[in-house]
N, C-alpha and C. Protein backbone atom coordinates (compact mmCIF):
# COMPACT_ATOMS: atom_id res chain seq x y z
N UNK A 1 127.54 84.11 55.21
CA UNK A 1 127.44 82.69 55.43
C UNK A 1 125.97 82.29 55.43
N UNK A 2 125.62 81.36 54.58
CA UNK A 2 124.23 80.90 54.48
C UNK A 2 123.90 79.94 55.62
N UNK A 3 122.67 80.03 56.08
CA UNK A 3 122.23 79.14 57.15
C UNK A 3 121.83 77.80 56.55
N UNK A 4 122.16 76.75 57.24
CA UNK A 4 121.73 75.42 56.80
C UNK A 4 120.30 75.21 57.27
N UNK A 5 119.53 74.32 56.65
CA UNK A 5 118.12 74.12 57.01
C UNK A 5 117.84 73.91 58.49
N UNK A 6 118.65 73.14 59.24
CA UNK A 6 118.33 73.02 60.68
C UNK A 6 118.38 74.35 61.43
N UNK A 7 119.23 75.27 60.96
CA UNK A 7 119.34 76.58 61.61
C UNK A 7 118.11 77.44 61.33
N UNK A 8 117.33 77.10 60.31
CA UNK A 8 116.16 77.88 59.97
C UNK A 8 114.92 77.46 60.73
N UNK A 9 115.00 76.35 61.43
CA UNK A 9 113.85 75.88 62.20
C UNK A 9 113.58 76.85 63.34
N UNK A 10 112.29 77.09 63.62
CA UNK A 10 111.99 78.00 64.73
C UNK A 10 112.45 77.41 66.06
N UNK A 11 112.85 78.28 66.97
CA UNK A 11 113.26 77.76 68.29
C UNK A 11 112.09 77.09 68.99
N UNK A 12 112.41 76.20 69.88
CA UNK A 12 111.39 75.45 70.61
C UNK A 12 110.89 76.31 71.78
N UNK A 13 109.88 77.13 71.49
CA UNK A 13 109.28 78.00 72.50
C UNK A 13 107.82 77.62 72.67
N UNK A 14 107.29 77.95 73.81
CA UNK A 14 105.88 77.72 74.07
C UNK A 14 105.03 78.77 73.38
N UNK A 15 103.75 78.49 73.21
CA UNK A 15 102.85 79.45 72.55
C UNK A 15 102.83 80.83 73.21
N UNK A 16 102.91 80.88 74.52
CA UNK A 16 102.90 82.18 75.20
C UNK A 16 104.14 83.00 74.84
N UNK A 17 105.29 82.34 74.73
CA UNK A 17 106.51 83.04 74.32
C UNK A 17 106.39 83.56 72.89
N UNK A 18 105.83 82.72 72.00
CA UNK A 18 105.63 83.16 70.61
C UNK A 18 104.68 84.35 70.56
N UNK A 19 103.64 84.35 71.38
CA UNK A 19 102.70 85.48 71.39
C UNK A 19 103.39 86.76 71.87
N UNK A 20 104.24 86.62 72.88
CA UNK A 20 104.97 87.79 73.38
C UNK A 20 105.91 88.34 72.31
N UNK A 21 106.59 87.44 71.60
CA UNK A 21 107.47 87.89 70.53
C UNK A 21 106.68 88.58 69.41
N UNK A 22 105.56 87.98 69.03
CA UNK A 22 104.70 88.57 67.99
C UNK A 22 104.24 89.96 68.41
N UNK A 23 103.76 90.07 69.64
CA UNK A 23 103.26 91.36 70.13
C UNK A 23 104.37 92.40 70.23
N UNK A 24 105.57 91.97 70.64
CA UNK A 24 106.70 92.90 70.74
C UNK A 24 107.10 93.41 69.35
N UNK A 25 107.07 92.53 68.35
CA UNK A 25 107.40 92.96 66.99
C UNK A 25 106.36 93.93 66.45
N UNK A 26 105.11 93.69 66.74
CA UNK A 26 104.06 94.62 66.30
C UNK A 26 104.20 95.97 66.99
N UNK A 27 104.51 95.95 68.28
CA UNK A 27 104.72 97.18 69.03
C UNK A 27 105.91 97.95 68.43
N UNK A 28 107.00 97.22 68.14
CA UNK A 28 108.18 97.86 67.55
C UNK A 28 107.84 98.46 66.19
N UNK A 29 107.05 97.76 65.40
CA UNK A 29 106.64 98.29 64.11
C UNK A 29 105.86 99.58 64.25
N UNK A 30 104.93 99.62 65.20
CA UNK A 30 104.16 100.85 65.44
C UNK A 30 105.07 101.99 65.90
N UNK A 31 106.02 101.66 66.77
CA UNK A 31 106.95 102.67 67.27
C UNK A 31 107.79 103.24 66.12
N UNK A 32 108.27 102.37 65.25
CA UNK A 32 109.05 102.85 64.11
C UNK A 32 108.20 103.76 63.22
N UNK A 33 106.96 103.41 63.04
CA UNK A 33 106.07 104.24 62.22
C UNK A 33 105.89 105.62 62.85
N UNK A 34 105.65 105.66 64.15
CA UNK A 34 105.48 106.95 64.83
C UNK A 34 106.76 107.78 64.77
N UNK A 35 107.91 107.14 64.94
CA UNK A 35 109.18 107.86 64.89
C UNK A 35 109.47 108.40 63.50
N UNK A 36 108.91 107.77 62.48
CA UNK A 36 109.22 108.18 61.11
C UNK A 36 108.70 109.59 60.80
N UNK A 37 107.74 110.08 61.56
CA UNK A 37 107.22 111.42 61.32
C UNK A 37 108.21 112.51 61.71
N UNK A 38 109.19 112.19 62.52
CA UNK A 38 110.11 113.21 63.05
C UNK A 38 111.46 113.24 62.34
N UNK A 39 111.60 112.51 61.23
CA UNK A 39 112.91 112.44 60.57
C UNK A 39 112.78 112.84 59.10
N UNK A 40 113.93 113.03 58.45
CA UNK A 40 113.91 113.40 57.04
C UNK A 40 113.50 112.20 56.18
N UNK A 41 113.25 112.46 54.92
CA UNK A 41 112.68 111.43 54.04
C UNK A 41 113.61 110.24 53.85
N UNK A 42 114.91 110.45 53.82
CA UNK A 42 115.85 109.34 53.66
C UNK A 42 115.79 108.40 54.87
N UNK A 43 115.81 108.98 56.04
CA UNK A 43 115.73 108.18 57.27
C UNK A 43 114.35 107.52 57.40
N UNK A 44 113.32 108.22 56.96
CA UNK A 44 111.95 107.69 57.02
C UNK A 44 111.84 106.39 56.23
N UNK A 45 112.45 106.36 55.05
CA UNK A 45 112.42 105.14 54.23
C UNK A 45 113.08 103.98 54.97
N UNK A 46 114.18 104.24 55.65
CA UNK A 46 114.86 103.19 56.41
C UNK A 46 113.99 102.68 57.55
N UNK A 47 113.34 103.62 58.25
CA UNK A 47 112.46 103.23 59.34
C UNK A 47 111.28 102.40 58.82
N UNK A 48 110.74 102.78 57.67
CA UNK A 48 109.62 102.04 57.10
C UNK A 48 110.04 100.64 56.67
N UNK A 49 111.26 100.53 56.13
CA UNK A 49 111.76 99.20 55.76
C UNK A 49 111.87 98.31 57.00
N UNK A 50 112.41 98.86 58.06
CA UNK A 50 112.53 98.09 59.30
C UNK A 50 111.16 97.76 59.88
N UNK A 51 110.23 98.71 59.80
CA UNK A 51 108.86 98.47 60.25
C UNK A 51 108.26 97.30 59.46
N UNK A 52 108.44 97.31 58.15
CA UNK A 52 107.91 96.22 57.32
C UNK A 52 108.51 94.88 57.71
N UNK A 53 109.80 94.86 58.02
CA UNK A 53 110.44 93.60 58.45
C UNK A 53 109.86 93.11 59.77
N UNK A 54 109.67 94.02 60.71
CA UNK A 54 109.09 93.64 62.00
C UNK A 54 107.69 93.06 61.82
N UNK A 55 106.88 93.74 61.01
CA UNK A 55 105.50 93.28 60.81
C UNK A 55 105.45 91.97 60.03
N UNK A 56 106.37 91.79 59.07
CA UNK A 56 106.41 90.54 58.31
C UNK A 56 106.79 89.37 59.23
N UNK A 57 107.75 89.60 60.12
CA UNK A 57 108.12 88.54 61.06
C UNK A 57 106.98 88.26 62.03
N UNK A 58 106.29 89.28 62.48
CA UNK A 58 105.12 89.08 63.35
C UNK A 58 104.07 88.25 62.63
N UNK A 59 103.88 88.49 61.33
CA UNK A 59 102.92 87.69 60.56
C UNK A 59 103.36 86.23 60.44
N UNK A 60 104.67 86.02 60.27
CA UNK A 60 105.18 84.65 60.22
C UNK A 60 104.94 83.93 61.55
N UNK A 61 105.16 84.64 62.64
CA UNK A 61 104.92 84.06 63.95
C UNK A 61 103.44 83.75 64.13
N UNK A 62 102.58 84.64 63.63
CA UNK A 62 101.13 84.41 63.71
C UNK A 62 100.76 83.11 62.98
N UNK A 63 101.33 82.91 61.79
CA UNK A 63 101.06 81.67 61.06
C UNK A 63 101.58 80.45 61.81
N UNK A 64 102.74 80.60 62.46
CA UNK A 64 103.30 79.51 63.27
C UNK A 64 102.35 79.19 64.43
N UNK A 65 101.82 80.22 65.07
CA UNK A 65 100.87 80.01 66.17
C UNK A 65 99.60 79.33 65.67
N UNK A 66 99.14 79.74 64.50
CA UNK A 66 97.95 79.09 63.93
C UNK A 66 98.22 77.60 63.67
N UNK A 67 99.42 77.30 63.19
CA UNK A 67 99.79 75.90 62.95
C UNK A 67 99.85 75.12 64.26
N UNK A 68 100.38 75.75 65.30
CA UNK A 68 100.41 75.10 66.62
C UNK A 68 99.01 74.84 67.13
N UNK A 69 98.13 75.81 66.97
CA UNK A 69 96.74 75.64 67.40
C UNK A 69 96.05 74.54 66.61
N UNK A 70 96.34 74.46 65.31
CA UNK A 70 95.76 73.42 64.48
C UNK A 70 96.27 72.04 64.86
N UNK A 71 97.53 71.95 65.24
CA UNK A 71 98.10 70.66 65.64
C UNK A 71 97.49 70.21 66.97
N UNK A 72 97.24 71.18 67.87
CA UNK A 72 96.62 70.83 69.16
C UNK A 72 95.17 70.38 68.99
N UNK A 73 94.48 70.96 68.01
CA UNK A 73 93.07 70.63 67.80
C UNK A 73 92.92 69.28 67.11
N UNK A 74 93.94 68.89 66.32
CA UNK A 74 93.82 67.66 65.54
C UNK A 74 94.30 66.44 66.18
């Protein structure tokens, strides 16, 4: 089921909550990377894919935070 545009809007959270989410995703990405050393190559690829997703979402949150900071400054 595809999400409609209103469902894609970020939740209404404060900047501190967004920072905590960003930091948690980065931590999870690092953890997945460390765990990838202890598994076979097939599982490692899956862990790296999940790590990439976590870091990509953290980057999106970072851009959202930058936009919030820009809106506050303007």
